[in-house]
């Protein structure tokens, strides 16, 4: 596998970063994950906008402009001769003097890598989910992009692994269920699709936006709302959205079987129709 590292395409075994890199030492950086379907980037502009906004917030200069970045990403896909993968962009502040101060870190580290999708990624999925003991800060500005500080999500996912579940849901400090470790949360209440507001401290997911776009096009009622864990378990359907899988139905939460809504299956199918249409000819 070829990796793009700091301006060069290199074999995976030679793609190494300094032990003094601030991304390694402090999680001082951010990343982005983009779906590649039939060899083409899906919703690249939206992912890049979030990535660029995060870099600006962290005051880390992205070493390439938007057009060059896309060209490099497409070249990486071509060199590796892959069709359906996840493209990951990682940006750290780079090497600098020891300590939390970013002064002296003059050259960012930038990496693009490709990661396989499961063979059933575009199929209908139904997951077992648990509620994590971890809590996320409500209204957290850093939740607006994928920063490299993911310990709450890692610990939550460890709880899911221990419980034999595919995903964990996290609550925020206001006591509402807000998102999964790598997914946005939705639920169905009667004929309305609901999702937590961005102010709850959630990632503005690209796939989340596609789901809301589908709801609008299909004239499905939708709104942003907060939900407690007990109420979520009583909803008419619960599902997740994520770059790697699209729309995933939640079959159970903390061992309790949840109601299943036909809306979820329709949204999942509509999502992949959009992916197919926007990557046609790849």
C-alpha atoms as a PDB file:
ATOM      1  CA  UNK A   1       0.000   0.000   0.000  1.00  0.00           C
ATOM      2  CA  UNK A   2       1.254   3.460  -0.938  1.00  0.00           C
ATOM      3  CA  UNK A   3       0.931   6.291   1.613  1.00  0.00           C
ATOM      4  CA  UNK A   4       1.178  10.018   0.972  1.00  0.00           C
ATOM      5  CA  UNK A   5       3.451  11.515   3.627  1.00  0.00           C
ATOM      6  CA  UNK A   6       4.676  15.112   3.693  1.00  0.00           C
ATOM      7  CA  UNK A   7       4.703  15.617  -0.066  1.00  0.00           C
ATOM      8  CA  UNK A   8       5.830  12.127  -1.154  1.00  0.00           C
ATOM      9  CA  UNK A   9       4.220   8.819  -2.056  1.00  0.00           C
ATOM     10  CA  UNK A  10       5.999   6.121  -0.066  1.00  0.00           C
ATOM     11  CA  UNK A  11       5.449   2.396   0.657  1.00  0.00           C
ATOM     12  CA  UNK A  12       3.519   1.690   3.839  1.00  0.00           C
ATOM     13  CA  UNK A  13       6.597   0.289   5.618  1.00  0.00           C
ATOM     14  CA  UNK A  14       8.483   3.544   5.042  1.00  0.00           C
ATOM     15  CA  UNK A  15       5.635   5.821   6.129  1.00  0.00           C
ATOM     16  CA  UNK A  16       7.024   6.793   9.534  1.00  0.00           C
ATOM     17  CA  UNK A  17       6.591   9.875  11.713  1.00  0.00           C
ATOM     18  CA  UNK A  18       8.938  11.234  14.383  1.00  0.00           C
ATOM     19  CA  UNK A  19       8.382  10.170  18.005  1.00  0.00           C
ATOM     20  CA  UNK A  20       8.601  13.891  18.788  1.00  0.00           C
ATOM     21  CA  UNK A  21       5.622  14.738  16.580  1.00  0.00           C
ATOM     22  CA  UNK A  22       3.004  16.619  18.601  1.00  0.00           C
ATOM     23  CA  UNK A  23       0.247  14.456  17.149  1.00  0.00           C
ATOM     24  CA  UNK A  24       1.888  11.457  18.839  1.00  0.00           C
ATOM     25  CA  UNK A  25       2.833  13.269  22.039  1.00  0.00           C
ATOM     26  CA  UNK A  26      -0.324  15.298  22.672  1.00  0.00           C
ATOM     27  CA  UNK A  27      -2.951  14.453  20.060  1.00  0.00           C
ATOM     28  CA  UNK A  28      -2.254  17.925  18.637  1.00  0.00           C
ATOM     29  CA  UNK A  29      -3.959  17.511  15.289  1.00  0.00           C
ATOM     30  CA  UNK A  30      -7.037  16.443  13.395  1.00  0.00           C
ATOM     31  CA  UNK A  31      -8.172  13.959  10.785  1.00  0.00           C
ATOM     32  CA  UNK A  32     -10.894  13.346   8.233  1.00  0.00           C
ATOM     33  CA  UNK A  33     -12.334  10.170   6.712  1.00  0.00           C
ATOM     34  CA  UNK A  34     -13.809  10.190   3.198  1.00  0.00           C
ATOM     35  CA  UNK A  35     -15.706   7.399   1.456  1.00  0.00           C
ATOM     36  CA  UNK A  36     -14.193   6.237  -1.822  1.00  0.00           C
ATOM     37  CA  UNK A  37     -16.723   4.325  -3.930  1.00  0.00           C
ATOM     38  CA  UNK A  38     -15.926   2.882  -7.343  1.00  0.00           C
ATOM     39  CA  UNK A  39     -12.617   4.708  -7.128  1.00  0.00           C
ATOM     40  CA  UNK A  40     -14.233   8.130  -6.675  1.00  0.00           C
ATOM     41  CA  UNK A  41     -14.406  10.445  -3.686  1.00  0.00           C
ATOM     42  CA  UNK A  42     -17.896  10.913  -2.192  1.00  0.00           C
ATOM     43  CA  UNK A  43     -18.782  14.364  -0.847  1.00  0.00           C
ATOM     44  CA  UNK A  44     -15.142  15.453  -0.927  1.00  0.00           C
ATOM     45  CA  UNK A  45     -16.000  19.165  -0.756  1.00  0.00           C
ATOM     46  CA  UNK A  46     -17.985  18.748   2.465  1.00  0.00           C
ATOM     47  CA  UNK A  47     -15.264  16.688   4.120  1.00  0.00           C
ATOM     48  CA  UNK A  48     -12.554  19.118   3.062  1.00  0.00           C
ATOM     49  CA  UNK A  49     -14.541  22.095   4.339  1.00  0.00           C
ATOM     50  CA  UNK A  50     -14.800  20.515   7.799  1.00  0.00           C
ATOM     51  CA  UNK A  51     -11.127  19.520   7.726  1.00  0.00           C
ATOM     52  CA  UNK A  52     -10.065  23.045   6.723  1.00  0.00           C
ATOM     53  CA  UNK A  53     -12.289  24.618   9.370  1.00  0.00           C
ATOM     54  CA  UNK A  54     -10.731  22.393  12.021  1.00  0.00           C
ATOM     55  CA  UNK A  55      -7.205  23.222  10.879  1.00  0.00           C
ATOM     56  CA  UNK A  56      -8.043  26.931  11.073  1.00  0.00           C
ATOM     57  CA  UNK A  57      -9.400  26.520  14.614  1.00  0.00           C
ATOM     58  CA  UNK A  58      -6.229  24.719  15.680  1.00  0.00           C
ATOM     59  CA  UNK A  59      -4.110  27.237  13.749  1.00  0.00           C
ATOM     60  CA  UNK A  60      -2.317  24.506  11.795  1.00  0.00           C
ATOM     61  CA  UNK A  61      -1.556  25.360   8.183  1.00  0.00           C
ATOM     62  CA  UNK A  62      -2.695  22.748   5.646  1.00  0.00           C
ATOM     63  CA  UNK A  63       0.367  22.339   3.381  1.00  0.00           C
ATOM     64  CA  UNK A  64      -1.634  22.055   0.134  1.00  0.00           C
ATOM     65  CA  UNK A  65      -4.495  24.004  -1.404  1.00  0.00           C
ATOM     66  CA  UNK A  66      -7.927  22.417  -2.104  1.00  0.00           C
ATOM     67  CA  UNK A  67      -7.297  21.603  -5.797  1.00  0.00           C
ATOM     68  CA  UNK A  68      -3.878  20.122  -5.098  1.00  0.00           C
ATOM     69  CA  UNK A  69      -5.225  18.076  -2.196  1.00  0.00           C
ATOM     70  CA  UNK A  70      -7.912  16.530  -4.357  1.00  0.00           C
ATOM     71  CA  UNK A  71      -5.415  15.757  -7.109  1.00  0.00           C
ATOM     72  CA  UNK A  72      -3.100  14.078  -4.600  1.00  0.00           C
ATOM     73  CA  UNK A  73      -5.968  12.067  -3.099  1.00  0.00           C
ATOM     74  CA  UNK A  74      -7.030  10.859  -6.548  1.00  0.00           C
ATOM     75  CA  UNK A  75      -3.442   9.978  -7.397  1.00  0.00           C
ATOM     76  CA  UNK A  76      -3.159   7.954  -4.181  1.00  0.00           C
ATOM     77  CA  UNK A  77      -6.314   6.023  -5.101  1.00  0.00           C
ATOM     78  CA  UNK A  78      -4.986   5.433  -8.625  1.00  0.00           C
ATOM     79  CA  UNK A  79      -1.578   4.238  -7.428  1.00  0.00           C
ATOM     80  CA  UNK A  80      -3.134   1.748  -5.047  1.00  0.00           C
ATOM     81  CA  UNK A  81      -5.659   0.504  -7.627  1.00  0.00           C
ATOM     82  CA  UNK A  82      -8.516   0.414  -5.119  1.00  0.00           C
ATOM     83  CA  UNK A  83     -12.243   0.875  -5.575  1.00  0.00           C
ATOM     84  CA  UNK A  84     -14.133   0.901  -2.261  1.00  0.00           C
ATOM     85  CA  UNK A  85     -12.074   2.214   0.662  1.00  0.00           C
ATOM     86  CA  UNK A  86     -11.892   4.967   3.254  1.00  0.00           C
ATOM     87  CA  UNK A  87      -9.430   7.782   2.587  1.00  0.00           C
ATOM     88  CA  UNK A  88      -8.025   9.204   5.812  1.00  0.00           C
ATOM     89  CA  UNK A  89      -6.379  12.620   5.986  1.00  0.00           C
ATOM     90  CA  UNK A  90      -4.303  13.282   9.096  1.00  0.00           C
ATOM     91  CA  UNK A  91      -2.735  16.617   9.993  1.00  0.00           C
ATOM     92  CA  UNK A  92      -0.614  17.287  13.083  1.00  0.00           C
ATOM     93  CA  UNK A  93       1.276  20.359  14.191  1.00  0.00           C
ATOM     94  CA  UNK A  94       4.501  18.445  13.591  1.00  0.00           C
ATOM     95  CA  UNK A  95       7.710  18.331  15.605  1.00  0.00           C
ATOM     96  CA  UNK A  96       8.388  21.023  18.179  1.00  0.00           C
ATOM     97  CA  UNK A  97      10.054  21.620  21.556  1.00  0.00           C
ATOM     98  CA  UNK A  98       8.780  19.583  24.504  1.00  0.00           C
ATOM     99  CA  UNK A  99       5.803  21.120  26.291  1.00  0.00           C
ATOM    100  CA  UNK A 100       2.249  22.124  25.512  1.00  0.00           C
ATOM    101  CA  UNK A 101       3.153  25.435  23.879  1.00  0.00           C
ATOM    102  CA  UNK A 102       2.883  25.177  20.063  1.00  0.00           C
ATOM    103  CA  UNK A 103       5.740  27.676  19.630  1.00  0.00           C
ATOM    104  CA  UNK A 104       8.566  26.219  17.599  1.00  0.00           C
ATOM    105  CA  UNK A 105       6.478  23.676  15.686  1.00  0.00           C
ATOM    106  CA  UNK A 106       6.990  25.193  12.254  1.00  0.00           C
ATOM    107  CA  UNK A 107       6.266  22.330   9.848  1.00  0.00           C
ATOM    108  CA  UNK A 108       3.024  20.375   9.972  1.00  0.00           C
ATOM    109  CA  UNK A 109       2.908  16.633   9.371  1.00  0.00           C
ATOM    110  CA  UNK A 110       0.384  15.623   6.710  1.00  0.00           C
ATOM    111  CA  UNK A 111      -0.615  12.073   5.805  1.00  0.00           C
ATOM    112  CA  UNK A 112      -3.147  10.482   3.457  1.00  0.00           C
ATOM    113  CA  UNK A 113      -3.823   6.752   3.738  1.00  0.00           C
ATOM    114  CA  UNK A 114      -6.376   4.258   2.415  1.00  0.00           C
ATOM    115  CA  UNK A 115      -8.239   1.682   4.506  1.00  0.00           C
ATOM    116  CA  UNK A 116     -10.439  -1.211   3.348  1.00  0.00           C
ATOM    117  CA  UNK A 117     -14.205  -1.300   3.790  1.00  0.00           C
ATOM    118  CA  UNK A 118     -15.972  -4.454   4.875  1.00  0.00           C
ATOM    119  CA  UNK A 119     -17.511  -6.419   2.025  1.00  0.00           C
ATOM    120  CA  UNK A 120     -21.007  -5.722   3.402  1.00  0.00           C
ATOM    121  CA  UNK A 121     -20.531  -1.982   3.863  1.00  0.00           C
ATOM    122  CA  UNK A 122     -23.285  -1.073   1.397  1.00  0.00           C
ATOM    123  CA  UNK A 123     -25.708  -3.711   2.702  1.00  0.00           C
ATOM    124  CA  UNK A 124     -28.420  -3.247   5.316  1.00  0.00           C
ATOM    125  CA  UNK A 125     -26.928  -3.540   8.811  1.00  0.00           C
ATOM    126  CA  UNK A 126     -28.497  -3.868  12.252  1.00  0.00           C
ATOM    127  CA  UNK A 127     -26.303  -3.376  15.296  1.00  0.00           C
ATOM    128  CA  UNK A 128     -26.292  -4.091  18.988  1.00  0.00           C
ATOM    129  CA  UNK A 129     -25.447  -0.891  20.863  1.00  0.00           C
ATOM    130  CA  UNK A 130     -24.704  -0.010  24.477  1.00  0.00           C
ATOM    131  CA  UNK A 131     -24.756   3.276  26.375  1.00  0.00           C
ATOM    132  CA  UNK A 132     -21.282   4.230  27.567  1.00  0.00           C
ATOM    133  CA  UNK A 133     -20.315   5.546  30.988  1.00  0.00           C
ATOM    134  CA  UNK A 134     -18.186   8.201  29.261  1.00  0.00           C
ATOM    135  CA  UNK A 135     -19.561  11.752  28.985  1.00  0.00           C
ATOM    136  CA  UNK A 136     -18.970  14.425  26.347  1.00  0.00           C
ATOM    137  CA  UNK A 137     -19.030  18.172  27.119  1.00  0.00           C
ATOM    138  CA  UNK A 138     -22.213  19.837  25.890  1.00  0.00           C
ATOM    139  CA  UNK A 139     -21.488  22.693  23.491  1.00  0.00           C
ATOM    140  CA  UNK A 140     -17.855  21.617  22.990  1.00  0.00           C
ATOM    141  CA  UNK A 141     -16.294  23.682  20.122  1.00  0.00           C
ATOM    142  CA  UNK A 142     -13.717  20.949  19.413  1.00  0.00           C
ATOM    143  CA  UNK A 143     -16.577  18.588  18.506  1.00  0.00           C
ATOM    144  CA  UNK A 144     -17.008  20.525  15.250  1.00  0.00           C
ATOM    145  CA  UNK A 145     -14.247  18.501  13.601  1.00  0.00           C
ATOM    146  CA  UNK A 146     -12.407  15.200  14.083  1.00  0.00           C
ATOM    147  CA  UNK A 147      -9.612  16.138  16.451  1.00  0.00           C
ATOM    148  CA  UNK A 148      -6.975  13.572  17.434  1.00  0.00           C
ATOM    149  CA  UNK A 149      -8.036  13.542  21.102  1.00  0.00           C
ATOM    150  CA  UNK A 150     -10.443  10.596  21.100  1.00  0.00           C
ATOM    151  CA  UNK A 151      -9.937   8.970  24.509  1.00  0.00           C
ATOM    152  CA  UNK A 152     -13.638   9.201  25.522  1.00  0.00           C
ATOM    153  CA  UNK A 153     -14.607   7.477  22.268  1.00  0.00           C
ATOM    154  CA  UNK A 154     -11.869   4.865  22.672  1.00  0.00           C
ATOM    155  CA  UNK A 155     -12.956   4.029  26.227  1.00  0.00           C
ATOM    156  CA  UNK A 156     -16.594   3.937  25.116  1.00  0.00           C
ATOM    157  CA  UNK A 157     -15.768   1.579  22.265  1.00  0.00           C
ATOM    158  CA  UNK A 158     -13.875  -0.652  24.713  1.00  0.00           C
ATOM    159  CA  UNK A 159     -17.096  -0.893  26.731  1.00  0.00           C
ATOM    160  CA  UNK A 160     -18.962  -1.885  23.562  1.00  0.00           C
ATOM    161  CA  UNK A 161     -16.347  -4.535  22.761  1.00  0.00           C
ATOM    162  CA  UNK A 162     -16.620  -5.968  26.268  1.00  0.00           C
ATOM    163  CA  UNK A 163     -20.412  -6.139  25.927  1.00  0.00           C
ATOM    164  CA  UNK A 164     -20.251  -7.786  22.500  1.00  0.00           C
ATOM    165  CA  UNK A 165     -21.820  -4.744  20.846  1.00  0.00           C
ATOM    166  CA  UNK A 166     -20.914  -3.051  17.559  1.00  0.00           C
ATOM    167  CA  UNK A 167     -21.122   0.528  18.835  1.00  0.00           C
ATOM    168  CA  UNK A 168     -21.459   2.609  22.005  1.00  0.00           C
ATOM    169  CA  UNK A 169     -23.587   5.702  22.474  1.00  0.00           C
ATOM    170  CA  UNK A 170     -22.296   8.613  24.535  1.00  0.00           C
ATOM    171  CA  UNK A 171     -24.277  11.046  26.656  1.00  0.00           C
ATOM    172  CA  UNK A 172     -23.266  14.650  27.154  1.00  0.00           C
ATOM    173  CA  UNK A 173     -22.868  16.536  30.416  1.00  0.00           C
ATOM    174  CA  UNK A 174     -26.503  17.698  30.160  1.00  0.00           C
ATOM    175  CA  UNK A 175     -27.620  14.068  30.357  1.00  0.00           C
ATOM    176  CA  UNK A 176     -28.775  13.644  26.752  1.00  0.00           C
ATOM    177  CA  UNK A 177     -27.727  10.870  24.358  1.00  0.00           C
ATOM    178  CA  UNK A 178     -25.785  12.648  21.631  1.00  0.00           C
ATOM    179  CA  UNK A 179     -23.760  10.370  19.328  1.00  0.00           C
ATOM    180  CA  UNK A 180     -21.853   7.137  18.857  1.00  0.00           C
ATOM    181  CA  UNK A 181     -18.093   6.728  18.996  1.00  0.00           C
ATOM    182  CA  UNK A 182     -17.875   6.976  15.193  1.00  0.00           C
ATOM    183  CA  UNK A 183     -21.461   7.771  14.267  1.00  0.00           C
ATOM    184  CA  UNK A 184     -24.242  10.309  14.458  1.00  0.00           C
ATOM    185  CA  UNK A 185     -27.474   9.359  16.208  1.00  0.00           C
ATOM    186  CA  UNK A 186     -31.023   9.411  14.810  1.00  0.00           C
ATOM    187  CA  UNK A 187     -34.351   8.131  16.056  1.00  0.00           C
ATOM    188  CA  UNK A 188     -37.871   7.885  14.690  1.00  0.00           C
ATOM    189  CA  UNK A 189     -40.792   9.251  16.686  1.00  0.00           C
ATOM    190  CA  UNK A 190     -44.055   8.399  14.952  1.00  0.00           C
ATOM    191  CA  UNK A 191     -43.420   9.698  11.411  1.00  0.00           C
ATOM    192  CA  UNK A 192     -40.621  12.132  12.295  1.00  0.00           C
ATOM    193  CA  UNK A 193     -36.867  11.549  12.018  1.00  0.00           C
ATOM    194  CA  UNK A 194     -34.980  13.255  14.857  1.00  0.00           C
ATOM    195  CA  UNK A 195     -31.316  13.905  15.571  1.00  0.00           C
ATOM    196  CA  UNK A 196     -29.480  15.849  18.309  1.00  0.00           C
ATOM    197  CA  UNK A 197     -28.641  19.509  17.576  1.00  0.00           C
ATOM    198  CA  UNK A 198     -25.038  20.515  16.925  1.00  0.00           C
ATOM    199  CA  UNK A 199     -25.169  22.579  20.128  1.00  0.00           C
ATOM    200  CA  UNK A 200     -25.319  19.307  22.090  1.00  0.00           C
ATOM    201  CA  UNK A 201     -21.602  18.912  21.331  1.00  0.00           C
ATOM    202  CA  UNK A 202     -21.762  16.556  18.358  1.00  0.00           C
ATOM    203  CA  UNK A 203     -19.779  16.232  15.156  1.00  0.00           C
ATOM    204  CA  UNK A 204     -21.559  17.832  12.167  1.00  0.00           C
ATOM    205  CA  UNK A 205     -21.360  14.588  10.230  1.00  0.00           C
ATOM    206  CA  UNK A 206     -21.267  14.621   6.439  1.00  0.00           C
ATOM    207  CA  UNK A 207     -23.429  11.479   6.309  1.00  0.00           C
ATOM    208  CA  UNK A 208     -25.752  13.055   8.894  1.00  0.00           C
ATOM    209  CA  UNK A 209     -26.238  15.951   6.472  1.00  0.00           C
ATOM    210  CA  UNK A 210     -26.993  13.520   3.630  1.00  0.00           C
ATOM    211  CA  UNK A 211     -29.666  11.810   5.744  1.00  0.00           C
ATOM    212  CA  UNK A 212     -31.333  15.162   6.449  1.00  0.00           C
ATOM    213  CA  UNK A 213     -31.074  15.979   2.749  1.00  0.00           C
ATOM    214  CA  UNK A 214     -32.861  12.706   1.932  1.00  0.00           C
ATOM    215  CA  UNK A 215     -35.589  13.458   4.477  1.00  0.00           C
ATOM    216  CA  UNK A 216     -36.203  16.792   2.788  1.00  0.00           C
ATOM    217  CA  UNK A 217     -36.291  15.302  -0.713  1.00  0.00           C
ATOM    218  CA  UNK A 218     -38.665  12.506   0.354  1.00  0.00           C
ATOM    219  CA  UNK A 219     -40.781  14.903   2.435  1.00  0.00           C
ATOM    220  CA  UNK A 220     -40.120  13.001   5.636  1.00  0.00           C
ATOM    221  CA  UNK A 221     -40.689  15.123   8.730  1.00  0.00           C
ATOM    222  CA  UNK A 222     -37.425  15.799  10.520  1.00  0.00           C
ATOM    223  CA  UNK A 223     -36.166  17.940  13.366  1.00  0.00           C
ATOM    224  CA  UNK A 224     -33.347  18.411  15.837  1.00  0.00           C
ATOM    225  CA  UNK A 225     -34.100  17.504  19.436  1.00  0.00           C
ATOM    226  CA  UNK A 226     -32.531  16.238  22.645  1.00  0.00           C
ATOM    227  CA  UNK A 227     -33.366  12.826  24.045  1.00  0.00           C
ATOM    228  CA  UNK A 228     -32.722  11.022  27.321  1.00  0.00           C
ATOM    229  CA  UNK A 229     -31.601   7.391  27.404  1.00  0.00           C
ATOM    230  CA  UNK A 230     -34.898   6.009  28.794  1.00  0.00           C
ATOM    231  CA  UNK A 231     -36.893   7.870  26.125  1.00  0.00           C
ATOM    232  CA  UNK A 232     -34.558   6.748  23.336  1.00  0.00           C
ATOM    233  CA  UNK A 233     -35.271   3.119  24.228  1.00  0.00           C
ATOM    234  CA  UNK A 234     -39.012   3.741  23.704  1.00  0.00           C
ATOM    235  CA  UNK A 235     -38.744   5.341  20.253  1.00  0.00           C
ATOM    236  CA  UNK A 236     -40.236   3.815  17.099  1.00  0.00           C
ATOM    237  CA  UNK A 237     -36.790   3.263  15.629  1.00  0.00           C
ATOM    238  CA  UNK A 238     -33.149   4.184  16.248  1.00  0.00           C
ATOM    239  CA  UNK A 239     -30.371   4.350  13.692  1.00  0.00           C
ATOM    240  CA  UNK A 240     -26.859   5.659  13.142  1.00  0.00           C
ATOM    241  CA  UNK A 241     -25.099   7.371  10.250  1.00  0.00           C
ATOM    242  CA  UNK A 242     -21.406   7.163   9.434  1.00  0.00           C
ATOM    243  CA  UNK A 243     -19.018   7.537   6.504  1.00  0.00           C
ATOM    244  CA  UNK A 244     -17.944   3.895   6.501  1.00  0.00           C
ATOM    245  CA  UNK A 245     -21.428   2.304   6.532  1.00  0.00           C
ATOM    246  CA  UNK A 246     -24.032   4.920   5.615  1.00  0.00           C
ATOM    247  CA  UNK A 247     -27.221   4.234   7.602  1.00  0.00           C
ATOM    248  CA  UNK A 248     -27.192   1.472  10.243  1.00  0.00           C
ATOM    249  CA  UNK A 249     -30.276   0.379  12.165  1.00  0.00           C
ATOM    250  CA  UNK A 250     -29.970  -0.183  15.932  1.00  0.00           C
ATOM    251  CA  UNK A 251     -31.426  -3.572  16.828  1.00  0.00           C
ATOM    252  CA  UNK A 252     -30.905  -3.342  20.595  1.00  0.00           C
ATOM    253  CA  UNK A 253     -29.710  -0.858  23.211  1.00  0.00           C
ATOM    254  CA  UNK A 254     -28.230  -2.147  26.468  1.00  0.00           C
ATOM    255  CA  UNK A 255     -29.706  -5.552  25.663  1.00  0.00           C
ATOM    256  CA  UNK A 256     -33.236  -4.195  25.146  1.00  0.00           C
ATOM    257  CA  UNK A 257     -34.777  -4.951  21.744  1.00  0.00           C
ATOM    258  CA  UNK A 258     -35.870  -1.748  20.047  1.00  0.00           C
ATOM    259  CA  UNK A 259     -38.791  -1.104  17.737  1.00  0.00           C
ATOM    260  CA  UNK A 260     -37.896  -1.167  14.053  1.00  0.00           C
ATOM    261  CA  UNK A 261     -39.146   1.479  11.617  1.00  0.00           C
ATOM    262  CA  UNK A 262     -39.555   0.948   7.865  1.00  0.00           C
ATOM    263  CA  UNK A 263     -38.301   4.506   7.435  1.00  0.00           C
ATOM    264  CA  UNK A 264     -34.784   3.376   8.340  1.00  0.00           C
ATOM    265  CA  UNK A 265     -34.550   0.807   5.558  1.00  0.00           C
ATOM    266  CA  UNK A 266     -35.804   3.408   3.072  1.00  0.00           C
ATOM    267  CA  UNK A 267     -33.248   5.970   4.205  1.00  0.00           C
ATOM    268  CA  UNK A 268     -30.424   3.420   3.962  1.00  0.00           C
ATOM    269  CA  UNK A 269     -31.401   2.519   0.393  1.00  0.00           C
ATOM    270  CA  UNK A 270     -31.763   6.176  -0.565  1.00  0.00           C
ATOM    271  CA  UNK A 271     -28.317   6.952   0.836  1.00  0.00           C
ATOM    272  CA  UNK A 272     -26.595   4.347  -1.324  1.00  0.00           C
ATOM    273  CA  UNK A 273     -28.553   5.509  -4.366  1.00  0.00           C
ATOM    274  CA  UNK A 274     -27.011   8.952  -3.854  1.00  0.00           C
ATOM    275  CA  UNK A 275     -23.545   7.435  -3.439  1.00  0.00           C
ATOM    276  CA  UNK A 276     -23.992   5.428  -6.650  1.00  0.00           C
ATOM    277  CA  UNK A 277     -25.295   8.443  -8.573  1.00  0.00           C
ATOM    278  CA  UNK A 278     -22.516  10.782  -7.439  1.00  0.00           C
ATOM    279  CA  UNK A 279     -19.749   8.262  -8.162  1.00  0.00           C
ATOM    280  CA  UNK A 280     -21.125   7.006 -11.467  1.00  0.00           C
ATOM    281  CA  UNK A 281     -18.471   6.526 -14.091  1.00  0.00           C
ATOM    282  CA  UNK A 282     -15.722   5.868 -11.549  1.00  0.00           C
END
